[in-house]
Amino acid sequence: MTLNNRMLACNCGIALLLLLACASSPRKISETSVRRADSRPVLTGWLTESQLMSQVPGYQDEKNQYQPDPQLLEPLKNLTKDVQIIVFLGTWCSDSQREVPRFLKIMETIQNPHISFEMLALDRTKRDLDGVAEAHDIQFVPTFVVLHEYLEIGRIVEQPIVNIEQDLAEITASIK
């Protein structure tokens, strides 16, 4: 066996040992190390829009840049039935950073008193201390749960099918 072949065999053996060692001893990444790698803070609990905008970089910029389709906003502006929306989000989640500010821009634009919303920030396991996320079977964030008379009439999970304004208009169109 040549020197190059022996070195190659040795390197392969070391790589295999390292792979086996890593696979056999799973480690949990601490929240602290995750925070250092990702600059987005992990907020949990009920949030106001001002808390979200002031504490999480990027949300305000996304909201300012988003231009909702005015024609698609009309059904939401004209909605006369009461609707509640629970926004489950992860401040650490890129989908939440994109979709939640867009939702907030839509709510600000339509100014419909019949549509109210609350935002609940979840940890990385997508849970909260009160079990609200679990009660609503939240698997992905963001999830927008749309309620009418305390019953769920639809939801937008992670990404809208078309865009948030159209998806919300289609969900609320089912209210009679």
Protein backbone atom coordinates (compact mmCIF):
# COMPACT_ATOMS: atom_id res chain seq x y z
CA MET A 1 0.00 0.00 0.00
CA THR A 2 1.43 3.38 -0.96
CA LEU A 3 1.83 6.24 1.45
CA ASN A 4 -1.03 8.16 -0.24
CA ASN A 5 -3.34 5.17 0.07
CA ARG A 6 -2.47 4.72 3.75
CA MET A 7 -3.09 8.43 4.43
CA LEU A 8 -6.41 8.25 2.58
CA ALA A 9 -7.44 5.18 4.59
CA CYS A 10 -6.41 6.86 7.83
CA ASN A 11 -8.33 10.06 6.99
CA CYS A 12 -11.41 8.02 6.07
CA GLY A 13 -11.14 6.15 9.35
CA ILE A 14 -10.89 9.36 11.35
CA ALA A 15 -13.84 10.86 9.49
CA LEU A 16 -15.90 7.73 10.18
CA LEU A 17 -15.03 7.83 13.89
CA LEU A 18 -16.00 11.50 14.12
CA LEU A 19 -19.28 10.84 12.32
CA LEU A 20 -20.10 7.95 14.66
CA ALA A 21 -19.15 9.97 17.74
CA CYS A 22 -21.39 12.87 16.73
CA ALA A 23 -24.29 10.62 15.79
CA SER A 24 -24.16 8.62 19.01
CA SER A 25 -24.14 11.58 21.37
CA PRO A 26 -26.93 13.98 20.43
CA ARG A 27 -26.56 17.42 21.97
CA LYS A 28 -29.18 19.99 22.58
CA ILE A 29 -28.21 23.42 21.35
CA SER A 30 -28.76 25.93 24.09
CA GLU A 31 -30.92 28.95 23.50
CA THR A 32 -27.94 31.17 24.28
CA SER A 33 -25.81 29.69 21.49
CA VAL A 34 -28.72 29.93 19.06
CA ARG A 35 -29.18 33.60 19.90
CA ARG A 36 -25.56 34.35 19.13
CA ALA A 37 -25.82 32.68 15.74
CA ASP A 38 -29.14 34.40 14.91
CA SER A 39 -29.51 38.09 15.76
CA ARG A 40 -33.33 37.90 15.98
CA PRO A 41 -34.43 37.87 19.62
CA VAL A 42 -36.69 35.08 20.85
CA LEU A 43 -39.68 36.83 22.41
CA THR A 44 -42.52 34.84 23.94
CA GLY A 45 -45.99 35.73 25.14
CA TRP A 46 -48.67 38.15 24.05
CA LEU A 47 -47.23 41.12 22.14
CA THR A 48 -48.50 44.45 20.99
CA GLU A 49 -47.53 45.75 17.59
CA SER A 50 -45.35 48.45 19.15
CA GLN A 51 -43.49 45.88 21.26
CA LEU A 52 -42.85 43.72 18.23
CA MET A 53 -41.70 46.61 16.06
CA SER A 54 -39.41 48.09 18.70
CA GLN A 55 -37.80 44.84 19.86
CA VAL A 56 -37.33 42.83 16.68
CA PRO A 57 -35.18 44.23 13.85
CA GLY A 58 -36.59 44.02 10.35
CA TYR A 59 -40.32 43.94 11.14
CA GLN A 60 -40.80 47.69 10.70
CA ASP A 61 -38.86 47.72 7.41
CA GLU A 62 -40.95 44.87 5.99
CA LYS A 63 -44.17 46.62 7.04
CA ASN A 64 -43.08 49.90 5.46
CA GLN A 65 -42.11 48.23 2.18
CA TYR A 66 -45.24 46.10 1.72
CA GLN A 67 -47.92 47.49 -0.58
CA PRO A 68 -51.15 45.47 -0.32
CA ASP A 69 -53.37 45.18 -3.37
CA PRO A 70 -56.14 47.83 -2.90
CA GLN A 71 -58.73 45.79 -4.81
CA LEU A 72 -58.15 42.77 -2.60
CA LEU A 73 -58.58 44.92 0.52
CA GLU A 74 -62.16 45.95 -0.36
CA PRO A 75 -63.84 42.79 1.02
CA LEU A 76 -61.90 43.21 4.26
CA LYS A 77 -62.74 46.92 4.49
CA ASN A 78 -66.43 46.16 3.93
CA LEU A 79 -66.69 43.25 6.37
CA THR A 80 -69.54 43.91 8.82
CA LYS A 81 -69.34 40.72 10.88
CA ASP A 82 -66.99 40.52 13.85
CA VAL A 83 -63.82 38.53 13.25
CA GLN A 84 -60.98 37.82 15.64
CA ILE A 85 -57.55 36.74 14.43
CA ILE A 86 -54.90 35.14 16.59
CA VAL A 87 -51.46 35.54 15.06
CA PHE A 88 -49.04 32.89 16.26
CA LEU A 89 -45.50 33.91 15.37
CA GLY A 90 -41.88 33.24 16.08
CA THR A 91 -39.71 36.33 16.33
CA TRP A 92 -36.84 34.02 15.35
CA CYS A 93 -38.66 32.81 12.19
CA SER A 94 -38.00 34.27 8.73
CA ASP A 95 -41.55 33.43 7.54
CA SER A 96 -42.95 35.37 10.50
CA GLN A 97 -40.61 38.27 9.77
CA ARG A 98 -42.04 38.44 6.25
CA GLU A 99 -45.75 37.69 6.77
CA VAL A 100 -46.60 39.30 10.12
CA PRO A 101 -45.54 42.84 9.09
CA ARG A 102 -47.56 42.42 5.89
CA PHE A 103 -50.58 41.42 7.97
CA LEU A 104 -50.05 44.45 10.22
CA LYS A 105 -49.86 46.73 7.17
CA ILE A 106 -53.17 45.31 5.93
CA MET A 107 -54.85 45.86 9.31
CA GLU A 108 -53.50 49.42 9.45
CA THR A 109 -54.70 50.13 5.91
CA ILE A 110 -58.24 48.77 6.21
CA GLN A 111 -58.98 50.16 9.71
CA ASN A 112 -62.03 47.89 10.08
CA PRO A 113 -63.38 47.90 13.66
CA HIS A 114 -65.01 44.51 13.01
CA ILE A 115 -61.61 42.84 12.69
CA SER A 116 -59.57 42.49 15.86
CA PHE A 117 -56.34 40.60 16.37
CA GLU A 118 -53.90 39.46 19.02
CA MET A 119 -50.33 38.29 18.55
CA LEU A 120 -48.74 35.47 20.51
CA ALA A 121 -44.99 34.96 20.16
CA LEU A 122 -43.91 31.33 20.55
CA ASP A 123 -40.60 29.78 21.47
CA ARG A 124 -38.64 27.61 19.05
CA THR A 125 -40.71 24.57 20.04
CA LYS A 126 -43.79 26.54 18.95
CA ARG A 127 -45.29 26.51 22.42
CA ASP A 128 -46.33 29.07 25.02
CA LEU A 129 -46.70 28.89 28.80
CA ASP A 130 -50.52 29.02 28.72
CA GLY A 131 -50.96 26.24 26.14
CA VAL A 132 -52.81 28.45 23.66
CA ALA A 133 -50.68 27.25 20.72
CA GLU A 134 -51.24 23.63 21.68
CA ALA A 135 -55.00 24.20 22.03
CA HIS A 136 -55.02 25.55 18.46
CA ASP A 137 -52.74 22.76 17.18
CA ILE A 138 -50.05 25.15 15.97
CA GLN A 139 -47.38 23.26 14.04
CA PHE A 140 -45.80 26.07 12.00
CA VAL A 141 -45.30 29.80 12.36
CA PRO A 142 -46.67 32.13 11.46
CA THR A 143 -50.20 30.81 11.71
CA PHE A 144 -53.12 33.21 11.44
CA VAL A 145 -56.21 31.63 13.05
CA VAL A 146 -59.40 33.39 11.95
CA LEU A 147 -62.36 33.15 14.34
CA HIS A 148 -66.00 34.19 14.03
CA GLU A 149 -68.23 33.85 17.09
CA TYR A 150 -65.34 32.01 18.81
CA LEU A 151 -65.23 29.30 16.14
CA GLU A 152 -62.36 28.86 13.72
CA ILE A 153 -63.43 29.59 10.16
CA GLY A 154 -59.99 29.28 8.58
CA ARG A 155 -56.28 29.75 8.95
CA ILE A 156 -53.22 30.79 7.02
CA VAL A 157 -50.24 28.59 7.85
CA GLU A 158 -46.66 29.70 7.26
CA GLN A 159 -47.27 31.29 3.84
CA PRO A 160 -50.49 32.44 2.22
CA ILE A 161 -51.74 30.61 -0.85
CA VAL A 162 -51.89 33.86 -2.87
CA ASN A 163 -51.20 36.70 -0.44
CA ILE A 164 -52.50 37.55 3.00
CA GLU A 165 -55.15 40.02 1.88
CA GLN A 166 -56.70 37.63 -0.66
CA ASP A 167 -56.49 34.62 1.64
CA LEU A 168 -58.15 36.59 4.48
CA ALA A 169 -60.84 37.87 2.12
CA GLU A 170 -61.59 34.30 0.99
CA ILE A 171 -61.72 33.01 4.57
CA THR A 172 -64.03 35.80 5.77
CA ALA A 173 -66.29 35.45 2.71
CA SER A 174 -67.66 32.28 4.33
CA ILE A 175 -69.33 34.32 7.11
CA LYS A 176 -73.04 34.74 6.56
